[in-house]
Protein backbone atom coordinates (compact mmCIF):
# COMPACT_ATOMS: atom_id res chain seq x y z
CA UNK A 1 0.00 0.00 0.00
CA UNK A 2 2.96 2.31 0.58
CA UNK A 3 4.18 1.62 -2.96
CA UNK A 4 0.73 2.54 -4.32
CA UNK A 5 0.82 5.87 -2.51
CA UNK A 6 4.36 6.57 -3.67
CA UNK A 7 3.30 5.76 -7.25
CA UNK A 8 0.86 8.66 -7.14
CA UNK A 9 -2.39 7.28 -5.76
CA UNK A 10 -3.86 9.75 -3.25
CA UNK A 11 -3.36 8.73 0.37
CA UNK A 12 -7.09 8.99 1.13
CA UNK A 13 -7.90 6.56 -1.69
CA UNK A 14 -5.27 4.05 -0.50
CA UNK A 15 -6.63 4.27 3.05
CA UNK A 16 -10.20 3.64 1.87
CA UNK A 17 -9.07 0.68 -0.24
CA UNK A 18 -7.36 -1.03 2.71
CA UNK A 19 -9.83 0.15 5.36
CA UNK A 20 -7.35 2.02 7.55
CA UNK A 21 -7.08 5.57 8.83
CA UNK A 22 -4.57 8.02 7.43
CA UNK A 23 -2.83 8.06 10.83
CA UNK A 24 -2.35 4.28 10.61
CA UNK A 25 -1.05 4.64 7.05
CA UNK A 26 1.57 7.18 8.06
CA UNK A 27 2.54 5.03 11.05
CA UNK A 28 3.10 2.06 8.71
CA UNK A 29 4.96 4.29 6.29
CA UNK A 30 7.29 5.53 9.02
CA UNK A 31 7.98 1.96 10.12
CA UNK A 32 8.17 0.16 6.76
CA UNK A 33 8.75 3.03 4.28
CA UNK A 34 12.25 2.16 3.11
CA UNK A 35 11.84 -1.61 3.19
CA UNK A 36 11.05 -4.06 0.46
CA UNK A 37 8.14 -6.44 1.02
CA UNK A 38 10.41 -9.37 1.92
CA UNK A 39 12.33 -7.20 4.40
CA UNK A 40 9.09 -6.04 6.02
CA UNK A 41 7.96 -9.66 6.39
CA UNK A 42 11.28 -10.60 7.96
CA UNK A 43 11.02 -7.65 10.36
CA UNK A 44 7.50 -8.64 11.38
CA UNK A 45 8.57 -12.27 11.93
CA UNK A 46 11.51 -11.15 14.06
CA UNK A 47 9.26 -8.89 16.13
CA UNK A 48 6.85 -11.78 16.73
CA UNK A 49 9.71 -14.08 17.73
CA UNK A 50 11.08 -11.39 20.04
CA UNK A 51 7.68 -11.02 21.73
CA UNK A 52 7.49 -14.79 22.29
CA UNK A 53 10.98 -14.86 23.75
CA UNK A 54 10.20 -11.96 26.09
CA UNK A 55 7.10 -13.78 27.29
CA UNK A 56 9.10 -16.98 27.92
CA UNK A 57 11.72 -15.01 29.82
CA UNK A 58 9.09 -13.33 32.00
CA UNK A 59 7.46 -16.69 32.77
CA UNK A 60 10.83 -18.24 33.62
CA UNK A 61 11.73 -15.35 35.90
CA UNK A 62 8.37 -15.66 37.65
CA UNK A 63 8.85 -19.41 38.13
CA UNK A 64 12.34 -18.76 39.47
CA UNK A 65 11.05 -16.20 41.97
CA UNK A 66 8.34 -18.61 43.15
CA UNK A 67 10.90 -21.39 43.64
CA UNK A 68 13.14 -19.06 45.63
CA UNK A 69 10.21 -18.11 47.89
CA UNK A 70 9.31 -21.77 48.45
CA UNK A 71 12.94 -22.69 49.17
CA UNK A 72 13.29 -19.81 51.64
CA UNK A 73 10.18 -20.87 53.56
CA UNK A 74 11.34 -24.47 53.94
CA UNK A 75 14.47 -23.47 55.83
PDB file of N, CA and C in Angstrom:
ATOM      1  N   UNK A   1       0.812  -1.177   0.000  1.00  0.00           N
ATOM      2  CA  UNK A   1       0.000   0.000   0.000  1.00  0.00           C
ATOM      3  C   UNK A   1       0.869   1.258   0.000  1.00  0.00           C
ATOM      4  N   UNK A   2       2.046   1.167   0.602  1.00  0.00           N
ATOM      5  CA  UNK A   2       2.962   2.311   0.578  1.00  0.00           C
ATOM      6  C   UNK A   2       3.445   2.567  -0.844  1.00  0.00           C
ATOM      7  N   UNK A   3       3.726   1.483  -1.560  1.00  0.00           N
ATOM      8  CA  UNK A   3       4.175   1.616  -2.955  1.00  0.00           C
ATOM      9  C   UNK A   3       3.093   2.271  -3.817  1.00  0.00           C
ATOM     10  N   UNK A   4       1.825   1.928  -3.558  1.00  0.00           N
ATOM     11  CA  UNK A   4       0.730   2.536  -4.317  1.00  0.00           C
ATOM     12  C   UNK A   4       0.696   4.040  -4.088  1.00  0.00           C
ATOM     13  N   UNK A   5       0.857   4.451  -2.842  1.00  0.00           N
ATOM     14  CA  UNK A   5       0.818   5.873  -2.515  1.00  0.00           C
ATOM     15  C   UNK A   5       2.015   6.592  -3.130  1.00  0.00           C
ATOM     16  N   UNK A   6       3.174   5.961  -3.086  1.00  0.00           N
ATOM     17  CA  UNK A   6       4.364   6.565  -3.672  1.00  0.00           C
ATOM     18  C   UNK A   6       4.271   6.648  -5.193  1.00  0.00           C
ATOM     19  N   UNK A   7       3.473   5.755  -5.795  1.00  0.00           N
ATOM     20  CA  UNK A   7       3.300   5.757  -7.246  1.00  0.00           C
ATOM     21  C   UNK A   7       2.357   6.868  -7.706  1.00  0.00           C
ATOM     22  N   UNK A   8       1.699   7.536  -6.757  1.00  0.00           N
ATOM     23  CA  UNK A   8       0.861   8.662  -7.145  1.00  0.00           C
ATOM     24  C   UNK A   8      -0.594   8.564  -6.744  1.00  0.00           C
ATOM     25  N   UNK A   9      -1.015   7.429  -6.223  1.00  0.00           N
ATOM     26  CA  UNK A   9      -2.388   7.285  -5.764  1.00  0.00           C
ATOM     27  C   UNK A   9      -2.570   8.145  -4.511  1.00  0.00           C
ATOM     28  N   UNK A  10      -3.648   8.922  -4.448  1.00  0.00           N
ATOM     29  CA  UNK A  10      -3.862   9.755  -3.252  1.00  0.00           C
ATOM     30  C   UNK A  10      -3.948   8.910  -1.974  1.00  0.00           C
ATOM     31  N   UNK A  11      -3.409   9.449  -0.904  1.00  0.00           N
ATOM     32  CA  UNK A  11      -3.363   8.729   0.374  1.00  0.00           C
ATOM     33  C   UNK A  11      -4.760   8.349   0.841  1.00  0.00           C
ATOM     34  N   UNK A  12      -5.713   9.269   0.689  1.00  0.00           N
ATOM     35  CA  UNK A  12      -7.088   8.994   1.130  1.00  0.00           C
ATOM     36  C   UNK A  12      -7.673   7.794   0.388  1.00  0.00           C
ATOM     37  N   UNK A  13      -7.387   7.673  -0.890  1.00  0.00           N
ATOM     38  CA  UNK A  13      -7.899   6.556  -1.689  1.00  0.00           C
ATOM     39  C   UNK A  13      -7.259   5.236  -1.242  1.00  0.00           C
ATOM     40  N   UNK A  14      -5.969   5.252  -0.974  1.00  0.00           N
ATOM     41  CA  UNK A  14      -5.275   4.047  -0.500  1.00  0.00           C
ATOM     42  C   UNK A  14      -5.849   3.612   0.848  1.00  0.00           C
ATOM     43  N   UNK A  15      -6.082   4.581   1.733  1.00  0.00           N
ATOM     44  CA  UNK A  15      -6.633   4.267   3.055  1.00  0.00           C
ATOM     45  C   UNK A  15      -8.030   3.664   2.943  1.00  0.00           C
ATOM     46  N   UNK A  16      -8.853   4.204   2.069  1.00  0.00           N
ATOM     47  CA  UNK A  16     -10.200   3.638   1.869  1.00  0.00           C
ATOM     48  C   UNK A  16     -10.119   2.223   1.326  1.00  0.00           C
ATOM     49  N   UNK A  17      -9.206   2.001   0.385  1.00  0.00           N
ATOM     50  CA  UNK A  17      -9.069   0.682  -0.238  1.00  0.00           C
ATOM     51  C   UNK A  17      -8.712  -0.386   0.793  1.00  0.00           C
ATOM     52  N   UNK A  18      -7.818  -0.054   1.726  1.00  0.00           N
ATOM     53  CA  UNK A  18      -7.356  -1.030   2.711  1.00  0.00           C
ATOM     54  C   UNK A  18      -8.097  -0.933   4.042  1.00  0.00           C
ATOM     55  N   UNK A  19      -9.002   0.030   4.159  1.00  0.00           N
ATOM     56  CA  UNK A  19      -9.828   0.149   5.356  1.00  0.00           C
ATOM     57  C   UNK A  19      -9.063   0.585   6.594  1.00  0.00           C
ATOM     58  N   UNK A  20      -8.128   1.518   6.415  1.00  0.00           N
ATOM     59  CA  UNK A  20      -7.353   2.017   7.548  1.00  0.00           C
ATOM     60  C   UNK A  20      -7.461   3.538   7.590  1.00  0.00           C
ATOM     61  N   UNK A  21      -7.076   4.120   8.720  1.00  0.00           N
ATOM     62  CA  UNK A  21      -7.078   5.575   8.831  1.00  0.00           C
ATOM     63  C   UNK A  21      -5.778   6.128   8.248  1.00  0.00           C
ATOM     64  N   UNK A  22      -5.793   7.416   7.968  1.00  0.00           N
ATOM     65  CA  UNK A  22      -4.572   8.019   7.432  1.00  0.00           C
ATOM     66  C   UNK A  22      -3.460   8.014   8.483  1.00  0.00           C
ATOM     67  N   UNK A  23      -3.840   8.115   9.765  1.00  0.00           N
ATOM     68  CA  UNK A  23      -2.829   8.055  10.832  1.00  0.00           C
ATOM     69  C   UNK A  23      -2.133   6.693  10.830  1.00  0.00           C
ATOM     70  N   UNK A  24      -2.927   5.629  10.669  1.00  0.00           N
ATOM     71  CA  UNK A  24      -2.345   4.283  10.609  1.00  0.00           C
ATOM     72  C   UNK A  24      -1.433   4.142   9.395  1.00  0.00           C
ATOM     73  N   UNK A  25      -1.865   4.716   8.269  1.00  0.00           N
ATOM     74  CA  UNK A  25      -1.052   4.640   7.051  1.00  0.00           C
ATOM     75  C   UNK A  25       0.311   5.281   7.280  1.00  0.00           C
ATOM     76  N   UNK A  26       0.310   6.488   7.852  1.00  0.00           N
ATOM     77  CA  UNK A  26       1.574   7.180   8.061  1.00  0.00           C
ATOM     78  C   UNK A  26       2.434   6.488   9.115  1.00  0.00           C
ATOM     79  N   UNK A  27       1.795   5.815  10.070  1.00  0.00           N
ATOM     80  CA  UNK A  27       2.541   5.034  11.053  1.00  0.00           C
ATOM     81  C   UNK A  27       3.241   3.863  10.361  1.00  0.00           C
ATOM     82  N   UNK A  28       2.506   3.156   9.477  1.00  0.00           N
ATOM     83  CA  UNK A  28       3.101   2.058   8.713  1.00  0.00           C
ATOM     84  C   UNK A  28       4.217   2.577   7.811  1.00  0.00           C
ATOM     85  N   UNK A  29       3.966   3.738   7.206  1.00  0.00           N
ATOM     86  CA  UNK A  29       4.958   4.288   6.288  1.00  0.00           C
ATOM     87  C   UNK A  29       6.240   4.653   7.029  1.00  0.00           C
ATOM     88  N   UNK A  30       6.111   5.189   8.242  1.00  0.00           N
ATOM     89  CA  UNK A  30       7.294   5.527   9.025  1.00  0.00           C
ATOM     90  C   UNK A  30       8.072   4.274   9.412  1.00  0.00           C
ATOM     91  N   UNK A  31       7.341   3.195   9.684  1.00  0.00           N
ATOM     92  CA  UNK A  31       7.982   1.964  10.123  1.00  0.00           C
ATOM     93  C   UNK A  31       8.554   1.155   8.956  1.00  0.00           C
ATOM     94  N   UNK A  32       7.795   1.048   7.863  1.00  0.00           N
ATOM     95  CA  UNK A  32       8.170   0.161   6.763  1.00  0.00           C
ATOM     96  C   UNK A  32       8.503   0.902   5.470  1.00  0.00           C
ATOM     97  N   UNK A  33       8.599   2.219   5.486  1.00  0.00           N
ATOM     98  CA  UNK A  33       8.750   3.027   4.282  1.00  0.00           C
ATOM     99  C   UNK A  33       9.910   2.646   3.387  1.00  0.00           C
ATOM    100  N   UNK A  34      11.082   2.434   3.941  1.00  0.00           N
ATOM    101  CA  UNK A  34      12.250   2.159   3.115  1.00  0.00           C
ATOM    102  C   UNK A  34      12.504   0.688   2.872  1.00  0.00           C
ATOM    103  N   UNK A  35      11.606  -0.173   3.296  1.00  0.00           N
ATOM    104  CA  UNK A  35      11.840  -1.610   3.190  1.00  0.00           C
ATOM    105  C   UNK A  35      11.133  -2.220   1.988  1.00  0.00           C
ATOM    106  N   UNK A  36      11.722  -3.259   1.472  1.00  0.00           N
ATOM    107  CA  UNK A  36      11.047  -4.064   0.459  1.00  0.00           C
ATOM    108  C   UNK A  36      10.062  -4.981   1.174  1.00  0.00           C
ATOM    109  N   UNK A  37       9.169  -5.589   0.432  1.00  0.00           N
ATOM    110  CA  UNK A  37       8.140  -6.444   1.021  1.00  0.00           C
ATOM    111  C   UNK A  37       8.764  -7.598   1.802  1.00  0.00           C
ATOM    112  N   UNK A  38       9.775  -8.232   1.235  1.00  0.00           N
ATOM    113  CA  UNK A  38      10.412  -9.365   1.918  1.00  0.00           C
ATOM    114  C   UNK A  38      11.092  -8.914   3.218  1.00  0.00           C
ATOM    115  N   UNK A  39      11.696  -7.731   3.191  1.00  0.00           N
ATOM    116  CA  UNK A  39      12.334  -7.202   4.400  1.00  0.00           C
ATOM    117  C   UNK A  39      11.295  -6.889   5.471  1.00  0.00           C
ATOM    118  N   UNK A  40      10.163  -6.353   5.061  1.00  0.00           N
ATOM    119  CA  UNK A  40       9.095  -6.043   6.017  1.00  0.00           C
ATOM    120  C   UNK A  40       8.558  -7.324   6.649  1.00  0.00           C
ATOM    121  N   UNK A  41       8.425  -8.371   5.855  1.00  0.00           N
ATOM    122  CA  UNK A  41       7.959  -9.657   6.392  1.00  0.00           C
ATOM    123  C   UNK A  41       8.962 -10.224   7.391  1.00  0.00           C
ATOM    124  N   UNK A  42      10.241 -10.116   7.054  1.00  0.00           N
ATOM    125  CA  UNK A  42      11.279 -10.597   7.964  1.00  0.00           C
ATOM    126  C   UNK A  42      11.249  -9.809   9.270  1.00  0.00           C
ATOM    127  N   UNK A  43      11.079  -8.496   9.166  1.00  0.00           N
ATOM    128  CA  UNK A  43      11.020  -7.655  10.357  1.00  0.00           C
ATOM    129  C   UNK A  43       9.839  -8.042  11.231  1.00  0.00           C
ATOM    130  N   UNK A  44       8.692  -8.258  10.621  1.00  0.00           N
ATOM    131  CA  UNK A  44       7.499  -8.644  11.377  1.00  0.00           C
ATOM    132  C   UNK A  44       7.709 -10.000  12.058  1.00  0.00           C
ATOM    133  N   UNK A  45       8.313 -10.951  11.343  1.00  0.00           N
ATOM    134  CA  UNK A  45       8.574 -12.271  11.928  1.00  0.00           C
ATOM    135  C   UNK A  45       9.541 -12.164  13.104  1.00  0.00           C
ATOM    136  N   UNK A  46      10.563 -11.332  12.965  1.00  0.00           N
ATOM    137  CA  UNK A  46      11.513 -11.146  14.058  1.00  0.00           C
ATOM    138  C   UNK A  46      10.853 -10.483  15.261  1.00  0.00           C
ATOM    139  N   UNK A  47       9.966  -9.531  15.016  1.00  0.00           N
ATOM    140  CA  UNK A  47       9.258  -8.885  16.127  1.00  0.00           C
ATOM    141  C   UNK A  47       8.364  -9.879  16.858  1.00  0.00           C
ATOM    142  N   UNK A  48       7.694 -10.756  16.111  1.00  0.00           N
ATOM    143  CA  UNK A  48       6.848 -11.779  16.734  1.00  0.00           C
ATOM    144  C   UNK A  48       7.687 -12.748  17.562  1.00  0.00           C
ATOM    145  N   UNK A  49       8.827 -13.164  17.008  1.00  0.00           N
ATOM    146  CA  UNK A  49       9.708 -14.075  17.731  1.00  0.00           C
ATOM    147  C   UNK A  49      10.244 -13.403  18.995  1.00  0.00           C
ATOM    148  N   UNK A  50      10.587 -12.137  18.892  1.00  0.00           N
ATOM    149  CA  UNK A  50      11.083 -11.394  20.043  1.00  0.00           C
ATOM    150  C   UNK A  50      10.020 -11.313  21.134  1.00  0.00           C
ATOM    151  N   UNK A  51       8.767 -11.083  20.753  1.00  0.00           N
ATOM    152  CA  UNK A  51       7.680 -11.023  21.731  1.00  0.00           C
ATOM    153  C   UNK A  51       7.510 -12.369  22.438  1.00  0.00           C
ATOM    154  N   UNK A  52       7.596 -13.459  21.686  1.00  0.00           N
ATOM    155  CA  UNK A  52       7.488 -14.793  22.287  1.00  0.00           C
ATOM    156  C   UNK A  52       8.624 -15.040  23.276  1.00  0.00           C
ATOM    157  N   UNK A  53       9.837 -14.656  22.881  1.00  0.00           N
ATOM    158  CA  UNK A  53      10.984 -14.861  23.754  1.00  0.00           C
ATOM    159  C   UNK A  53      10.882 -14.021  25.024  1.00  0.00           C
ATOM    160  N   UNK A  54      10.392 -12.800  24.908  1.00  0.00           N
ATOM    161  CA  UNK A  54      10.201 -11.960  26.088  1.00  0.00           C
ATOM    162  C   UNK A  54       9.179 -12.573  27.035  1.00  0.00           C
ATOM    163  N   UNK A  55       8.121 -13.146  26.464  1.00  0.00           N
ATOM    164  CA  UNK A  55       7.097 -13.784  27.291  1.00  0.00           C
ATOM    165  C   UNK A  55       7.685 -14.998  28.014  1.00  0.00           C
ATOM    166  N   UNK A  56       8.460 -15.814  27.295  1.00  0.00           N
ATOM    167  CA  UNK A  56       9.099 -16.976  27.919  1.00  0.00           C
ATOM    168  C   UNK A  56      10.056 -16.556  29.034  1.00  0.00           C
ATOM    169  N   UNK A  57      10.803 -15.496  28.804  1.00  0.00           N
ATOM    170  CA  UNK A  57      11.724 -15.005  29.823  1.00  0.00           C
ATOM    171  C   UNK A  57      10.964 -14.535  31.060  1.00  0.00           C
ATOM    172  N   UNK A  58       9.884 -13.806  30.858  1.00  0.00           N
ATOM    173  CA  UNK A  58       9.092 -13.329  31.996  1.00  0.00           C
ATOM    174  C   UNK A  58       8.510 -14.495  32.784  1.00  0.00           C
ATOM    175  N   UNK A  59       8.009 -15.507  32.088  1.00  0.00           N
ATOM    176  CA  UNK A  59       7.464 -16.687  32.767  1.00  0.00           C
ATOM    177  C   UNK A  59       8.540 -17.431  33.545  1.00  0.00           C
ATOM    178  N   UNK A  60       9.714 -17.555  32.955  1.00  0.00           N
ATOM    179  CA  UNK A  60      10.826 -18.240  33.617  1.00  0.00           C
ATOM    180  C   UNK A  60      11.274 -17.472  34.857  1.00  0.00           C
ATOM    181  N   UNK A  61      11.338 -16.155  34.746  1.00  0.00           N
ATOM    182  CA  UNK A  61      11.728 -15.347  35.901  1.00  0.00           C
ATOM    183  C   UNK A  61      10.695 -15.450  37.017  1.00  0.00           C
ATOM    184  N   UNK A  62       9.421 -15.512  36.657  1.00  0.00           N
ATOM    185  CA  UNK A  62       8.366 -15.664  37.653  1.00  0.00           C
ATOM    186  C   UNK A  62       8.469 -17.021  38.346  1.00  0.00           C
ATOM    187  N   UNK A  63       8.667 -18.076  37.557  1.00  0.00           N
ATOM    188  CA  UNK A  63       8.849 -19.414  38.129  1.00  0.00           C
ATOM    189  C   UNK A  63      10.055 -19.444  39.068  1.00  0.00           C
ATOM    190  N   UNK A  64      11.125 -18.804  38.658  1.00  0.00           N
ATOM    191  CA  UNK A  64      12.345 -18.756  39.468  1.00  0.00           C
ATOM    192  C   UNK A  64      12.081 -18.040  40.789  1.00  0.00           C
ATOM    193  N   UNK A  65      11.361 -16.939  40.751  1.00  0.00           N
ATOM    194  CA  UNK A  65      11.049 -16.197  41.969  1.00  0.00           C
ATOM    195  C   UNK A  65      10.167 -17.024  42.906  1.00  0.00           C
ATOM    196  N   UNK A  66       9.209 -17.749  42.342  1.00  0.00           N
ATOM    197  CA  UNK A  66       8.340 -18.612  43.150  1.00  0.00           C
ATOM    198  C   UNK A  66       9.158 -19.713  43.817  1.00  0.00           C
ATOM    199  N   UNK A  67      10.050 -20.329  43.070  1.00  0.00           N
ATOM    200  CA  UNK A  67      10.901 -21.391  43.637  1.00  0.00           C
ATOM    201  C   UNK A  67      11.804 -20.852  44.747  1.00  0.00           C
ATOM    202  N   UNK A  68      12.311 -19.644  44.584  1.00  0.00           N
ATOM    203  CA  UNK A  68      13.142 -19.063  45.633  1.00  0.00           C
ATOM    204  C   UNK A  68      12.315 -18.812  46.890  1.00  0.00           C
ATOM    205  N   UNK A  69      11.090 -18.344  46.732  1.00  0.00           N
ATOM    206  CA  UNK A  69      10.211 -18.114  47.893  1.00  0.00           C
ATOM    207  C   UNK A  69       9.919 -19.414  48.607  1.00  0.00           C
ATOM    208  N   UNK A  70       9.609 -20.463  47.857  1.00  0.00           N
ATOM    209  CA  UNK A  70       9.315 -21.773  48.447  1.00  0.00           C
ATOM    210  C   UNK A  70      10.547 -22.311  49.172  1.00  0.00           C
ATOM    211  N   UNK A  71      11.713 -22.191  48.557  1.00  0.00           N
ATOM    212  CA  UNK A  71      12.945 -22.693  49.174  1.00  0.00           C
ATOM    213  C   UNK A  71      13.261 -21.909  50.441  1.00  0.00           C
ATOM    214  N   UNK A  72      13.002 -20.633  50.466  1.00  0.00           N
ATOM    215  CA  UNK A  72      13.291 -19.809  51.645  1.00  0.00           C
ATOM    216  C   UNK A  72      12.364 -20.166  52.796  1.00  0.00           C
ATOM    217  N   UNK A  73      11.146 -20.532  52.515  1.00  0.00           N
ATOM    218  CA  UNK A  73      10.180 -20.867  53.561  1.00  0.00           C
ATOM    219  C   UNK A  73      10.461 -22.233  54.164  1.00  0.00           C
ATOM    220  N   UNK A  74      11.053 -23.133  53.430  1.00  0.00           N
ATOM    221  CA  UNK A  74      11.340 -24.471  53.938  1.00  0.00           C
ATOM    222  C   UNK A  74      12.439 -24.450  54.989  1.00  0.00           C
ATOM    223  N   UNK A  75      13.355 -23.515  54.904  1.00  0.00           N
ATOM    224  CA  UNK A  75      14.473 -23.472  55.827  1.00  0.00           C
ATOM    225  C   UNK A  75      14.062 -22.677  57.013  1.00  0.00           C
TER     226      UNK A  75
END
